[in-house]
N, C-alpha and C. Protein backbone atom coordinates (compact mmCIF):
# COMPACT_ATOMS: atom_id res chain seq x y z
N MET A 1 8.09 -24.91 30.36
CA MET A 1 8.49 -26.22 29.89
C MET A 1 10.01 -26.22 29.70
N LEU A 2 10.64 -27.25 30.15
CA LEU A 2 12.09 -27.40 30.00
C LEU A 2 12.38 -28.38 28.87
N ILE A 3 13.51 -28.17 28.20
CA ILE A 3 13.90 -29.06 27.11
C ILE A 3 15.39 -29.38 27.21
N HIS A 4 15.71 -30.62 26.90
CA HIS A 4 17.09 -31.11 26.92
C HIS A 4 17.79 -30.68 25.63
N ILE A 5 18.92 -29.98 25.74
CA ILE A 5 19.64 -29.51 24.54
C ILE A 5 20.97 -30.23 24.36
N GLY A 6 21.14 -31.35 25.03
CA GLY A 6 22.33 -32.14 24.85
C GLY A 6 23.26 -32.13 26.04
N PHE A 7 23.87 -33.29 26.32
CA PHE A 7 24.89 -33.46 27.35
C PHE A 7 24.40 -33.05 28.74
N GLY A 8 23.14 -33.34 29.03
CA GLY A 8 22.59 -33.04 30.35
C GLY A 8 22.23 -31.58 30.57
N ASN A 9 22.24 -30.79 29.54
CA ASN A 9 21.91 -29.37 29.64
C ASN A 9 20.45 -29.14 29.27
N ILE A 10 19.78 -28.30 30.06
CA ILE A 10 18.36 -28.07 29.88
C ILE A 10 18.09 -26.57 29.88
N VAL A 11 17.17 -26.13 29.00
CA VAL A 11 16.78 -24.71 28.98
C VAL A 11 15.26 -24.59 29.07
N ASN A 12 14.82 -23.42 29.48
CA ASN A 12 13.40 -23.10 29.59
C ASN A 12 12.90 -22.66 28.22
N THR A 13 11.98 -23.41 27.63
CA THR A 13 11.50 -23.09 26.28
C THR A 13 10.73 -21.77 26.23
N ALA A 14 10.16 -21.36 27.35
CA ALA A 14 9.41 -20.10 27.37
C ALA A 14 10.33 -18.89 27.20
N LYS A 15 11.62 -19.05 27.41
CA LYS A 15 12.58 -17.95 27.32
C LYS A 15 13.30 -17.89 25.97
N ILE A 16 13.04 -18.87 25.08
CA ILE A 16 13.73 -18.92 23.79
C ILE A 16 13.02 -18.01 22.79
N ILE A 17 13.80 -17.12 22.16
CA ILE A 17 13.27 -16.25 21.11
C ILE A 17 13.48 -16.89 19.74
N ALA A 18 14.68 -17.46 19.53
CA ALA A 18 15.00 -18.04 18.22
C ALA A 18 16.03 -19.15 18.39
N ILE A 19 15.99 -20.09 17.45
CA ILE A 19 17.01 -21.14 17.36
C ILE A 19 17.56 -21.06 15.95
N VAL A 20 18.85 -20.72 15.84
CA VAL A 20 19.44 -20.47 14.53
C VAL A 20 20.71 -21.29 14.33
N SER A 21 21.07 -21.45 13.08
CA SER A 21 22.31 -22.11 12.71
C SER A 21 23.47 -21.13 12.91
N PRO A 22 24.62 -21.61 13.36
CA PRO A 22 25.74 -20.71 13.65
C PRO A 22 26.61 -20.37 12.44
N ASP A 23 26.20 -20.73 11.24
CA ASP A 23 27.06 -20.63 10.07
C ASP A 23 27.15 -19.25 9.43
N SER A 24 26.12 -18.42 9.57
CA SER A 24 26.13 -17.12 8.89
C SER A 24 27.00 -16.12 9.65
N ALA A 25 27.49 -15.14 8.92
CA ALA A 25 28.35 -14.11 9.51
C ALA A 25 27.64 -13.31 10.60
N PRO A 26 26.37 -12.92 10.42
CA PRO A 26 25.70 -12.18 11.51
C PRO A 26 25.58 -12.98 12.80
N VAL A 27 25.31 -14.27 12.68
CA VAL A 27 25.20 -15.10 13.88
C VAL A 27 26.57 -15.29 14.52
N LYS A 28 27.61 -15.42 13.72
CA LYS A 28 28.97 -15.52 14.27
C LYS A 28 29.32 -14.26 15.05
N ARG A 29 28.93 -13.08 14.52
CA ARG A 29 29.17 -11.82 15.24
C ARG A 29 28.37 -11.77 16.53
N LEU A 30 27.12 -12.24 16.47
CA LEU A 30 26.28 -12.27 17.65
C LEU A 30 26.92 -13.12 18.75
N VAL A 31 27.43 -14.29 18.37
CA VAL A 31 28.08 -15.19 19.33
C VAL A 31 29.34 -14.54 19.89
N GLN A 32 30.15 -13.95 19.04
CA GLN A 32 31.38 -13.31 19.49
C GLN A 32 31.10 -12.16 20.45
N ASN A 33 30.11 -11.33 20.11
CA ASN A 33 29.75 -10.21 20.99
C ASN A 33 29.23 -10.71 22.33
N ALA A 34 28.43 -11.77 22.31
CA ALA A 34 27.90 -12.33 23.56
C ALA A 34 29.03 -12.90 24.41
N LYS A 35 30.01 -13.54 23.79
CA LYS A 35 31.14 -14.08 24.54
C LYS A 35 31.94 -12.94 25.19
N GLU A 36 32.14 -11.86 24.46
CA GLU A 36 32.89 -10.72 24.99
C GLU A 36 32.17 -10.08 26.18
N LYS A 37 30.85 -10.07 26.14
CA LYS A 37 30.05 -9.46 27.21
C LYS A 37 29.71 -10.44 28.34
N GLY A 38 30.12 -11.69 28.18
CA GLY A 38 29.82 -12.68 29.20
C GLY A 38 28.38 -13.17 29.17
N LEU A 39 27.72 -13.05 28.02
CA LEU A 39 26.33 -13.45 27.88
C LEU A 39 26.14 -14.76 27.13
N ALA A 40 27.24 -15.44 26.82
CA ALA A 40 27.17 -16.70 26.10
C ALA A 40 27.30 -17.87 27.06
N ILE A 41 26.42 -18.85 26.89
CA ILE A 41 26.48 -20.07 27.69
C ILE A 41 26.81 -21.20 26.72
N ASP A 42 27.97 -21.81 26.91
CA ASP A 42 28.42 -22.87 26.02
C ASP A 42 27.99 -24.22 26.58
N ALA A 43 27.00 -24.84 25.93
CA ALA A 43 26.48 -26.14 26.36
C ALA A 43 26.91 -27.24 25.40
N THR A 44 28.01 -27.02 24.68
CA THR A 44 28.45 -27.98 23.67
C THR A 44 29.36 -29.08 24.21
N GLN A 45 29.89 -28.88 25.42
CA GLN A 45 30.83 -29.84 26.00
C GLN A 45 32.02 -30.08 25.08
N GLY A 46 32.49 -29.03 24.42
CA GLY A 46 33.67 -29.13 23.56
C GLY A 46 33.39 -29.60 22.14
N ARG A 47 32.14 -29.90 21.83
CA ARG A 47 31.77 -30.33 20.48
C ARG A 47 31.56 -29.10 19.59
N LYS A 48 31.37 -29.34 18.31
CA LYS A 48 31.11 -28.26 17.36
C LYS A 48 29.72 -27.68 17.64
N THR A 49 29.62 -26.36 17.61
CA THR A 49 28.33 -25.69 17.79
C THR A 49 27.50 -25.87 16.54
N LYS A 50 26.31 -26.45 16.69
CA LYS A 50 25.42 -26.67 15.56
C LYS A 50 24.16 -25.82 15.64
N SER A 51 23.89 -25.24 16.81
CA SER A 51 22.75 -24.33 16.92
C SER A 51 23.01 -23.29 18.00
N VAL A 52 22.39 -22.14 17.82
CA VAL A 52 22.49 -21.03 18.76
C VAL A 52 21.07 -20.69 19.20
N LEU A 53 20.84 -20.75 20.50
CA LEU A 53 19.54 -20.39 21.05
C LEU A 53 19.63 -18.97 21.57
N VAL A 54 18.81 -18.10 21.03
CA VAL A 54 18.77 -16.71 21.47
C VAL A 54 17.68 -16.62 22.53
N MET A 55 18.07 -16.18 23.72
CA MET A 55 17.14 -16.12 24.84
C MET A 55 16.62 -14.70 25.02
N GLU A 56 15.49 -14.56 25.71
CA GLU A 56 14.86 -13.25 25.84
C GLU A 56 15.62 -12.28 26.74
N ASN A 57 16.57 -12.75 27.52
CA ASN A 57 17.35 -11.87 28.40
C ASN A 57 18.69 -11.48 27.76
N SER A 58 18.77 -11.55 26.43
CA SER A 58 19.96 -11.20 25.64
C SER A 58 21.09 -12.21 25.77
N GLN A 59 20.89 -13.29 26.48
CA GLN A 59 21.89 -14.34 26.53
C GLN A 59 21.71 -15.25 25.32
N ILE A 60 22.79 -15.95 24.96
CA ILE A 60 22.69 -16.97 23.94
C ILE A 60 23.22 -18.27 24.52
N VAL A 61 22.67 -19.37 24.04
CA VAL A 61 23.11 -20.69 24.47
C VAL A 61 23.59 -21.43 23.23
N LEU A 62 24.81 -21.95 23.30
CA LEU A 62 25.39 -22.72 22.20
C LEU A 62 25.13 -24.20 22.45
N SER A 63 24.63 -24.89 21.43
CA SER A 63 24.32 -26.31 21.57
C SER A 63 24.97 -27.11 20.45
N ALA A 64 25.30 -28.36 20.76
CA ALA A 64 25.88 -29.26 19.76
C ALA A 64 24.80 -30.01 18.99
N LEU A 65 23.54 -29.77 19.32
CA LEU A 65 22.44 -30.40 18.59
C LEU A 65 22.00 -29.51 17.44
N LEU A 66 21.50 -30.12 16.37
CA LEU A 66 20.99 -29.36 15.24
C LEU A 66 19.71 -28.63 15.63
N PRO A 67 19.44 -27.48 15.02
CA PRO A 67 18.20 -26.77 15.32
C PRO A 67 16.96 -27.64 15.13
N ASP A 68 16.94 -28.46 14.08
CA ASP A 68 15.79 -29.33 13.83
C ASP A 68 15.57 -30.31 14.97
N THR A 69 16.64 -30.80 15.56
CA THR A 69 16.53 -31.74 16.68
C THR A 69 15.91 -31.05 17.88
N ILE A 70 16.35 -29.85 18.16
CA ILE A 70 15.82 -29.11 19.32
C ILE A 70 14.34 -28.78 19.10
N VAL A 71 14.00 -28.32 17.90
CA VAL A 71 12.60 -28.02 17.59
C VAL A 71 11.75 -29.27 17.69
N GLY A 72 12.25 -30.39 17.21
CA GLY A 72 11.53 -31.65 17.32
C GLY A 72 11.25 -32.02 18.76
N ARG A 73 12.22 -31.83 19.62
CA ARG A 73 12.03 -32.12 21.04
C ARG A 73 11.01 -31.17 21.66
N MET A 74 11.02 -29.92 21.22
CA MET A 74 10.04 -28.97 21.73
C MET A 74 8.63 -29.38 21.30
N GLN A 75 8.49 -29.82 20.06
CA GLN A 75 7.18 -30.25 19.57
C GLN A 75 6.71 -31.51 20.28
N GLU A 76 7.63 -32.44 20.56
CA GLU A 76 7.26 -33.65 21.30
C GLU A 76 6.73 -33.28 22.68
N ASN A 77 7.41 -32.36 23.35
CA ASN A 77 6.97 -31.93 24.68
C ASN A 77 5.61 -31.25 24.62
N THR A 78 5.38 -30.47 23.56
CA THR A 78 4.09 -29.81 23.42
C THR A 78 2.98 -30.83 23.19
N ASP A 79 3.25 -31.84 22.35
CA ASP A 79 2.27 -32.90 22.10
C ASP A 79 1.93 -33.66 23.36
N ILE A 80 2.93 -33.95 24.18
CA ILE A 80 2.71 -34.67 25.43
C ILE A 80 1.88 -33.83 26.39
N SER A 81 2.17 -32.53 26.45
CA SER A 81 1.44 -31.62 27.33
C SER A 81 -0.03 -31.52 26.93
N GLU A 82 -0.29 -31.52 25.62
CA GLU A 82 -1.67 -31.39 25.13
C GLU A 82 -2.48 -32.65 25.42
N GLU A 83 -1.82 -33.81 25.49
CA GLU A 83 -2.52 -35.05 25.76
C GLU A 83 -3.01 -35.14 27.19
N ARG A 84 -2.39 -34.40 28.08
CA ARG A 84 -2.76 -34.46 29.50
C ARG A 84 -4.03 -33.78 29.77
């Protein structure tokens, strides 16, 4: 299942391990380390990062949407899939 994470960017929900807020020091270190290793994908289009998606291949995706918004979209997609 694919989900829209803002500004025309889409990720595969089956590959997401966690969706976290970028405010804590450990998450900031995680983002910095991923950027240094070339494993960070910035999908914010220059906006403030409001959520960090940790993917199963050690990559992280930065999004300008709040974690609650992304989770809500994931739940909507799941509800639609179950109705079929």
